């Protein structure tokens, strides 16, 4: 007998991005993950997890990273007025780093398009790029 499929117990869980991702993996890859199993799956199968996440987010690896992030650049804010540079952040991100960051902000933190992330880290750190892709505004708060 097949194992029972995970079903969310509450409305809050059912409307989470993680629940939508689990349904996506079930429909597209035939995976029957639970929320607790998604982290283990990510660690054991990083390439497949990233491919599923990119598909879920509508990202195309054939596009350059700069082209992928271009529509989101206006939501990168630098309160001190100096220009915020996605190019500097992309320098060390790479496709895998971008997807890992997106997965964190989209599935774990549950950032939404009306959220704002105050980033106190280095201005060239690529980690907040995932928050931009998740639709949030990113404010760089560390001194230049």
Protein backbone atom coordinates (compact mmCIF):
# COMPACT_ATOMS: atom_id res chain seq x y z
CA UNK A 1 0.00 0.00 0.00
CA UNK A 2 1.43 3.43 -0.90
CA UNK A 3 2.21 5.88 1.87
CA UNK A 4 -0.38 8.55 2.54
CA UNK A 5 0.37 11.90 0.91
CA UNK A 6 1.10 14.84 3.15
CA UNK A 7 -1.75 17.28 3.52
CA UNK A 8 -1.52 20.59 5.38
CA UNK A 9 -3.21 20.59 8.76
CA UNK A 10 -4.00 24.30 8.96
CA UNK A 11 -5.00 27.04 6.56
CA UNK A 12 -1.77 28.91 7.31
CA UNK A 13 0.30 25.91 6.24
CA UNK A 14 -1.95 25.23 3.23
CA UNK A 15 -1.45 28.77 1.92
CA UNK A 16 2.31 28.78 2.45
CA UNK A 17 4.76 28.92 -0.40
CA UNK A 18 6.33 25.71 0.90
CA UNK A 19 2.99 23.88 0.51
CA UNK A 20 2.70 25.19 -3.05
CA UNK A 21 6.26 24.01 -3.76
CA UNK A 22 5.46 20.56 -2.33
CA UNK A 23 2.41 20.33 -4.60
CA UNK A 24 4.56 21.44 -7.53
CA UNK A 25 7.16 18.73 -6.85
CA UNK A 26 4.37 16.17 -6.51
CA UNK A 27 2.84 17.19 -9.84
CA UNK A 28 6.02 17.64 -11.87
CA UNK A 29 8.46 15.14 -10.38
CA UNK A 30 6.20 12.64 -8.65
CA UNK A 31 7.82 13.37 -5.28
CA UNK A 32 5.72 12.96 -2.16
CA UNK A 33 7.64 15.20 0.24
CA UNK A 34 6.54 16.56 3.58
CA UNK A 35 7.74 19.95 4.83
CA UNK A 36 10.25 18.19 7.11
CA UNK A 37 11.60 16.15 4.20
CA UNK A 38 12.24 19.09 1.88
CA UNK A 39 15.47 20.12 3.66
CA UNK A 40 16.83 16.60 3.54
CA UNK A 41 15.89 16.34 -0.12
CA UNK A 42 17.67 19.64 -0.80
CA UNK A 43 20.85 18.38 0.90
CA UNK A 44 20.82 14.94 -0.76
CA UNK A 45 19.72 16.07 -4.24
CA UNK A 46 20.85 19.68 -4.66
CA UNK A 47 20.81 19.67 -8.47
CA UNK A 48 17.30 18.21 -8.70
CA UNK A 49 16.05 20.50 -5.91
CA UNK A 50 17.46 23.57 -7.69
CA UNK A 51 15.91 22.48 -11.00
CA UNK A 52 12.52 22.03 -9.32
CA UNK A 53 12.83 25.40 -7.57
CA UNK A 54 13.81 27.17 -10.80
CA UNK A 55 10.83 25.61 -12.56
CA UNK A 56 8.53 26.53 -9.66
CA UNK A 57 9.78 30.14 -9.74
CA UNK A 58 9.65 30.37 -13.54
CA UNK A 59 13.40 30.95 -13.86
CA UNK A 60 15.31 29.98 -16.97
CA UNK A 61 18.95 28.99 -16.59
CA UNK A 62 19.59 29.99 -20.21
CA UNK A 63 19.11 33.64 -19.23
CA UNK A 64 22.06 35.45 -17.75
CA UNK A 65 21.90 36.16 -14.05
CA UNK A 66 21.79 39.88 -14.80
CA UNK A 67 18.78 39.39 -17.11
CA UNK A 68 17.03 37.26 -14.49
CA UNK A 69 17.45 39.99 -11.87
CA UNK A 70 16.95 43.06 -14.09
CA UNK A 71 13.19 43.31 -13.46
CA UNK A 72 13.86 43.28 -9.71
CA UNK A 73 16.65 45.88 -9.58
CA UNK A 74 14.37 48.77 -8.61
CA UNK A 75 13.58 47.04 -5.31
CA UNK A 76 17.23 47.08 -4.22
CA UNK A 77 17.51 50.21 -2.07
CA UNK A 78 20.49 51.93 -0.58
CA UNK A 79 19.32 54.43 2.06
CA UNK A 80 22.58 56.39 2.09
CA UNK A 81 22.04 57.33 -1.56
CA UNK A 82 25.03 55.56 -3.06
CA UNK A 83 24.16 53.32 -5.99
CA UNK A 84 23.26 49.75 -5.13
CA UNK A 85 24.81 47.37 -7.60
CA UNK A 86 23.32 44.03 -8.48
CA UNK A 87 26.38 43.43 -10.68
CA UNK A 88 28.65 43.49 -7.62
CA UNK A 89 26.35 41.07 -5.84
CA UNK A 90 26.16 38.74 -8.84
CA UNK A 91 29.91 38.54 -9.14
CA UNK A 92 30.09 35.71 -6.61
CA UNK A 93 26.50 34.38 -6.66
CA UNK A 94 26.39 32.01 -9.59
CA UNK A 95 23.21 30.18 -10.58
CA UNK A 96 23.38 27.70 -7.71
CA UNK A 97 23.93 30.42 -5.11
CA UNK A 98 21.05 32.44 -6.50
CA UNK A 99 18.70 29.44 -6.29
CA UNK A 100 19.87 28.50 -2.80
CA UNK A 101 19.18 32.06 -1.63
CA UNK A 102 15.79 32.11 -3.37
CA UNK A 103 14.86 28.80 -1.75
CA UNK A 104 15.74 30.17 1.67
CA UNK A 105 13.73 33.37 1.31
CA UNK A 106 10.82 31.83 -0.58
CA UNK A 107 10.33 28.53 1.24
CA UNK A 108 11.84 28.99 4.70
CA UNK A 109 11.41 32.68 5.48
CA UNK A 110 8.20 32.96 3.39
CA UNK A 111 9.01 36.45 2.09
CA UNK A 112 6.18 37.96 0.11
CA UNK A 113 6.22 40.73 -2.52
CA UNK A 114 5.07 43.34 0.01
CA UNK A 115 7.85 42.47 2.50
CA UNK A 116 11.08 44.42 3.05
CA UNK A 117 14.36 42.86 4.07
CA UNK A 118 16.85 45.13 5.83
CA UNK A 119 20.24 43.66 4.89
CA UNK A 120 23.01 44.54 7.38
CA UNK A 121 25.66 42.48 5.60
CA UNK A 122 28.27 43.39 3.02
CA UNK A 123 26.93 45.27 0.02
CA UNK A 124 28.46 42.81 -2.43
CA UNK A 125 27.13 39.72 -0.61
CA UNK A 126 24.85 37.85 -3.04
CA UNK A 127 22.62 36.27 -0.37
CA UNK A 128 19.89 38.98 -0.46
CA UNK A 129 19.39 38.45 -4.21
CA UNK A 130 17.03 35.58 -3.42
CA UNK A 131 14.84 38.00 -1.48
CA UNK A 132 14.63 40.20 -4.58
CA UNK A 133 13.61 37.21 -6.69
CA UNK A 134 10.97 36.33 -4.08
CA UNK A 135 9.51 39.79 -4.72
CA UNK A 136 10.64 41.56 -1.56
CA UNK A 137 12.32 44.94 -1.35
CA UNK A 138 15.90 44.79 -0.06
CA UNK A 139 17.34 47.76 1.86
CA UNK A 140 21.09 47.72 2.28
CA UNK A 141 21.68 49.00 5.81
CA UNK A 142 25.41 48.41 6.38
CA UNK A 143 27.65 51.46 6.14
CA UNK A 144 29.52 51.78 2.82
